[in-house]
């Protein structure tokens, strides 16, 4: 009985192996290659977009720091003018 069970299991596993070794058709290879190329292009585009957004964020932060300094300078002038009068 044990031998029959083992042979049955071996048969099932061999069937699963055959299922995994199905030949790829030229059409499926072409489709996968096309999808892969499309995904690679999308990754490149998203990477470039990310770089652009990071540069814009850095510029915006720099502008904000400059504006903060200008506001602080104006507040100091107003305070000096108020204390002088």
N, C-alpha and C. Protein backbone atom coordinates (compact mmCIF):
# COMPACT_ATOMS: atom_id res chain seq x y z
N UNK A 1 0.82 -1.20 0.00
CA UNK A 1 0.00 0.00 0.00
C UNK A 1 0.86 1.27 0.00
N UNK A 2 1.92 1.27 0.80
CA UNK A 2 2.82 2.41 0.87
C UNK A 2 3.48 2.67 -0.49
N UNK A 3 3.86 1.63 -1.17
CA UNK A 3 4.50 1.76 -2.48
C UNK A 3 3.53 2.38 -3.49
N UNK A 4 2.29 1.99 -3.43
CA UNK A 4 1.27 2.54 -4.34
C UNK A 4 1.07 4.03 -4.07
N UNK A 5 1.04 4.41 -2.80
CA UNK A 5 0.90 5.82 -2.42
C UNK A 5 2.08 6.63 -2.93
N UNK A 6 3.29 6.08 -2.76
CA UNK A 6 4.48 6.79 -3.22
C UNK A 6 4.49 6.93 -4.74
N UNK A 7 4.09 5.87 -5.45
CA UNK A 7 4.06 5.93 -6.92
C UNK A 7 3.03 6.96 -7.39
N UNK A 8 1.91 7.02 -6.71
CA UNK A 8 0.88 8.00 -7.05
C UNK A 8 1.42 9.42 -6.86
N UNK A 9 2.09 9.63 -5.73
CA UNK A 9 2.66 10.96 -5.44
C UNK A 9 3.74 11.32 -6.45
N UNK A 10 4.58 10.37 -6.80
CA UNK A 10 5.62 10.61 -7.80
C UNK A 10 4.99 10.98 -9.14
N UNK A 11 3.93 10.30 -9.51
CA UNK A 11 3.22 10.61 -10.75
C UNK A 11 2.66 12.02 -10.74
N UNK A 12 2.09 12.42 -9.61
CA UNK A 12 1.55 13.78 -9.48
C UNK A 12 2.66 14.82 -9.62
N UNK A 13 3.77 14.58 -8.96
CA UNK A 13 4.88 15.52 -9.03
C UNK A 13 5.48 15.61 -10.42
N UNK A 14 5.59 14.47 -11.10
CA UNK A 14 6.09 14.49 -12.47
C UNK A 14 5.14 15.26 -13.39
N UNK A 15 3.85 15.11 -13.16
CA UNK A 15 2.86 15.87 -13.92
C UNK A 15 3.01 17.36 -13.70
N UNK A 16 3.25 17.75 -12.45
CA UNK A 16 3.46 19.17 -12.15
C UNK A 16 4.71 19.68 -12.84
N UNK A 17 5.77 18.87 -12.87
CA UNK A 17 7.00 19.27 -13.55
C UNK A 17 6.76 19.48 -15.04
N UNK A 18 6.01 18.57 -15.66
CA UNK A 18 5.70 18.71 -17.08
C UNK A 18 4.89 19.98 -17.34
N UNK A 19 3.97 20.28 -16.43
CA UNK A 19 3.17 21.50 -16.58
C UNK A 19 4.06 22.74 -16.56
N UNK A 20 5.10 22.72 -15.73
CA UNK A 20 6.00 23.87 -15.62
C UNK A 20 6.95 23.98 -16.81
N UNK A 21 7.13 22.90 -17.53
CA UNK A 21 8.07 22.89 -18.65
C UNK A 21 7.36 23.07 -19.99
N UNK A 22 6.18 23.63 -19.98
CA UNK A 22 5.43 23.88 -21.21
C UNK A 22 6.26 24.79 -22.12
N UNK A 23 6.26 24.47 -23.37
CA UNK A 23 7.01 25.27 -24.34
C UNK A 23 6.40 26.67 -24.45
N UNK A 24 7.27 27.65 -24.51
CA UNK A 24 6.81 29.02 -24.73
C UNK A 24 6.57 29.19 -26.23
N UNK A 25 5.46 29.81 -26.57
CA UNK A 25 5.20 30.09 -27.98
C UNK A 25 5.90 31.38 -28.36
N UNK A 26 6.15 31.54 -29.63
CA UNK A 26 6.80 32.76 -30.12
C UNK A 26 5.95 33.98 -29.77
N UNK A 27 4.63 33.82 -29.84
CA UNK A 27 3.73 34.94 -29.52
C UNK A 27 3.85 35.33 -28.05
N UNK A 28 3.90 34.33 -27.14
CA UNK A 28 4.00 34.66 -25.72
C UNK A 28 5.36 35.26 -25.38
N UNK A 29 6.42 34.78 -26.04
CA UNK A 29 7.75 35.37 -25.83
C UNK A 29 7.77 36.82 -26.29
N UNK A 30 7.18 37.08 -27.44
CA UNK A 30 7.12 38.46 -27.98
C UNK A 30 6.32 39.36 -27.05
N UNK A 31 5.18 38.85 -26.55
CA UNK A 31 4.35 39.65 -25.65
C UNK A 31 5.11 39.99 -24.37
N UNK A 32 5.78 39.00 -23.79
CA UNK A 32 6.52 39.24 -22.55
C UNK A 32 7.68 40.20 -22.79
N UNK A 33 8.36 40.04 -23.93
CA UNK A 33 9.47 40.94 -24.26
C UNK A 33 8.97 42.37 -24.43
N UNK A 34 7.85 42.53 -25.09
CA UNK A 34 7.26 43.86 -25.27
C UNK A 34 6.86 44.46 -23.93
N UNK A 35 6.22 43.67 -23.08
CA UNK A 35 5.82 44.17 -21.76
C UNK A 35 7.05 44.57 -20.94
N UNK A 36 8.10 43.77 -21.03
CA UNK A 36 9.32 44.06 -20.28
C UNK A 36 9.94 45.38 -20.76
N UNK A 37 9.98 45.56 -22.07
CA UNK A 37 10.52 46.80 -22.64
C UNK A 37 9.69 48.00 -22.20
N UNK A 38 8.38 47.85 -22.25
CA UNK A 38 7.48 48.92 -21.83
C UNK A 38 7.69 49.27 -20.36
N UNK A 39 7.83 48.26 -19.52
CA UNK A 39 8.05 48.50 -18.09
C UNK A 39 9.39 49.18 -17.84
N UNK A 40 10.42 48.79 -18.57
CA UNK A 40 11.73 49.43 -18.41
C UNK A 40 11.65 50.90 -18.80
N UNK A 41 10.94 51.20 -19.89
CA UNK A 41 10.77 52.59 -20.31
C UNK A 41 10.00 53.39 -19.26
N UNK A 42 8.99 52.77 -18.69
CA UNK A 42 8.20 53.43 -17.65
C UNK A 42 9.05 53.72 -16.42
N UNK A 43 9.91 52.79 -16.05
CA UNK A 43 10.81 52.99 -14.91
C UNK A 43 11.74 54.17 -15.20
N UNK A 44 12.30 54.21 -16.41
CA UNK A 44 13.19 55.33 -16.77
C UNK A 44 12.44 56.66 -16.71
N UNK A 45 11.21 56.67 -17.22
CA UNK A 45 10.42 57.91 -17.20
C UNK A 45 10.10 58.33 -15.77
N UNK A 46 9.70 57.39 -14.93
CA UNK A 46 9.39 57.72 -13.54
C UNK A 46 10.63 58.19 -12.78
N UNK A 47 11.78 57.61 -13.09
CA UNK A 47 13.03 58.04 -12.46
C UNK A 47 13.36 59.47 -12.86
N UNK A 48 13.18 59.78 -14.14
CA UNK A 48 13.43 61.14 -14.61
C UNK A 48 12.43 62.12 -13.98
N UNK A 49 11.18 61.74 -13.89
CA UNK A 49 10.16 62.59 -13.26
C UNK A 49 10.50 62.84 -11.80
N UNK A 50 10.94 61.80 -11.11
CA UNK A 50 11.31 61.94 -9.70
C UNK A 50 12.47 62.92 -9.55
N UNK A 51 13.47 62.79 -10.42
CA UNK A 51 14.62 63.69 -10.36
C UNK A 51 14.17 65.14 -10.58
N UNK A 52 13.29 65.35 -11.56
CA UNK A 52 12.78 66.69 -11.84
C UNK A 52 12.04 67.26 -10.63
N UNK A 53 11.19 66.43 -10.02
CA UNK A 53 10.43 66.89 -8.85
C UNK A 53 11.34 67.20 -7.66
N UNK A 54 12.38 66.38 -7.49
CA UNK A 54 13.33 66.65 -6.40
C UNK A 54 14.06 67.97 -6.62
N UNK A 55 14.43 68.25 -7.88
CA UNK A 55 15.09 69.52 -8.20
C UNK A 55 14.15 70.70 -7.94
N UNK A 56 12.90 70.55 -8.31
CA UNK A 56 11.92 71.61 -8.07
C UNK A 56 11.71 71.83 -6.57
N UNK A 57 11.65 70.75 -5.82
CA UNK A 57 11.48 70.86 -4.37
C UNK A 57 12.68 71.57 -3.75
N UNK A 58 13.87 71.22 -4.19
CA UNK A 58 15.08 71.87 -3.68
C UNK A 58 15.06 73.36 -4.00
N UNK A 59 14.65 73.72 -5.22
CA UNK A 59 14.57 75.14 -5.60
C UNK A 59 13.51 75.86 -4.77
N UNK A 60 12.38 75.23 -4.54
CA UNK A 60 11.32 75.85 -3.75
C UNK A 60 11.78 76.08 -2.31
N UNK A 61 12.48 75.11 -1.75
CA UNK A 61 13.00 75.28 -0.39
C UNK A 61 14.03 76.41 -0.33
N UNK A 62 14.85 76.50 -1.34
CA UNK A 62 15.84 77.58 -1.39
C UNK A 62 15.15 78.94 -1.47
N UNK A 63 14.12 79.03 -2.31
CA UNK A 63 13.35 80.28 -2.42
C UNK A 63 12.68 80.63 -1.09
N UNK A 64 12.16 79.64 -0.41
CA UNK A 64 11.51 79.88 0.87
C UNK A 64 12.51 80.40 1.91
N UNK A 65 13.71 79.81 1.93
CA UNK A 65 14.73 80.29 2.86
C UNK A 65 15.08 81.75 2.56
N UNK A 66 15.20 82.09 1.27
CA UNK A 66 15.50 83.47 0.89
C UNK A 66 14.38 84.41 1.33
N UNK A 67 13.13 84.01 1.10
CA UNK A 67 11.99 84.84 1.51
C UNK A 67 11.93 84.99 3.03
N UNK A 68 12.25 83.91 3.75
CA UNK A 68 12.29 84.01 5.22
C UNK A 68 13.33 85.03 5.68
N UNK A 69 14.49 85.04 5.02
CA UNK A 69 15.52 86.02 5.38
C UNK A 69 15.05 87.44 5.08
N UNK A 70 14.37 87.61 3.95
CA UNK A 70 13.86 88.95 3.60
C UNK A 70 12.83 89.42 4.62
N UNK A 71 11.92 88.53 5.03
CA UNK A 71 10.91 88.87 6.02
C UNK A 71 11.57 89.22 7.34
N UNK A 72 12.55 88.43 7.75
CA UNK A 72 13.26 88.70 9.01
C UNK A 72 13.96 90.04 8.95
N UNK A 73 14.57 90.37 7.81
CA UNK A 73 15.24 91.66 7.64
C UNK A 73 14.24 92.80 7.74
N UNK A 74 13.08 92.66 7.08
CA UNK A 74 12.05 93.71 7.14
C UNK A 74 11.51 93.87 8.55
N UNK A 75 11.30 92.74 9.25
CA UNK A 75 10.82 92.82 10.64
C UNK A 75 11.85 93.54 11.52
N UNK A 76 13.11 93.29 11.28
CA UNK A 76 14.17 93.97 12.06
C UNK A 76 14.16 95.47 11.76
N UNK A 77 13.98 95.84 10.50
CA UNK A 77 13.92 97.29 10.14
C UNK A 77 12.72 97.97 10.80
N UNK A 78 11.59 97.28 10.77
CA UNK A 78 10.38 97.85 11.38
C UNK A 78 10.59 98.00 12.89
N UNK A 79 11.18 97.01 13.50
CA UNK A 79 11.43 97.08 14.95
C UNK A 79 12.41 98.21 15.27
N UNK A 80 13.46 98.37 14.45
CA UNK A 80 14.42 99.44 14.66
C UNK A 80 13.77 100.81 14.49
N UNK A 81 12.91 100.91 13.45
CA UNK A 81 12.24 102.20 13.21
C UNK A 81 11.29 102.52 14.33
N UNK A 82 10.60 101.52 14.87
CA UNK A 82 9.65 101.74 15.97
C UNK A 82 10.38 102.14 17.23
N UNK A 83 11.54 101.56 17.48
CA UNK A 83 12.29 101.89 18.70
C UNK A 83 12.97 103.24 18.57
N UNK A 84 13.25 103.71 17.36
CA UNK A 84 13.90 105.00 17.16
C UNK A 84 12.92 106.14 17.34
N UNK A 85 11.66 105.90 17.21
CA UNK A 85 10.70 107.01 17.35
C UNK A 85 10.13 107.14 18.71
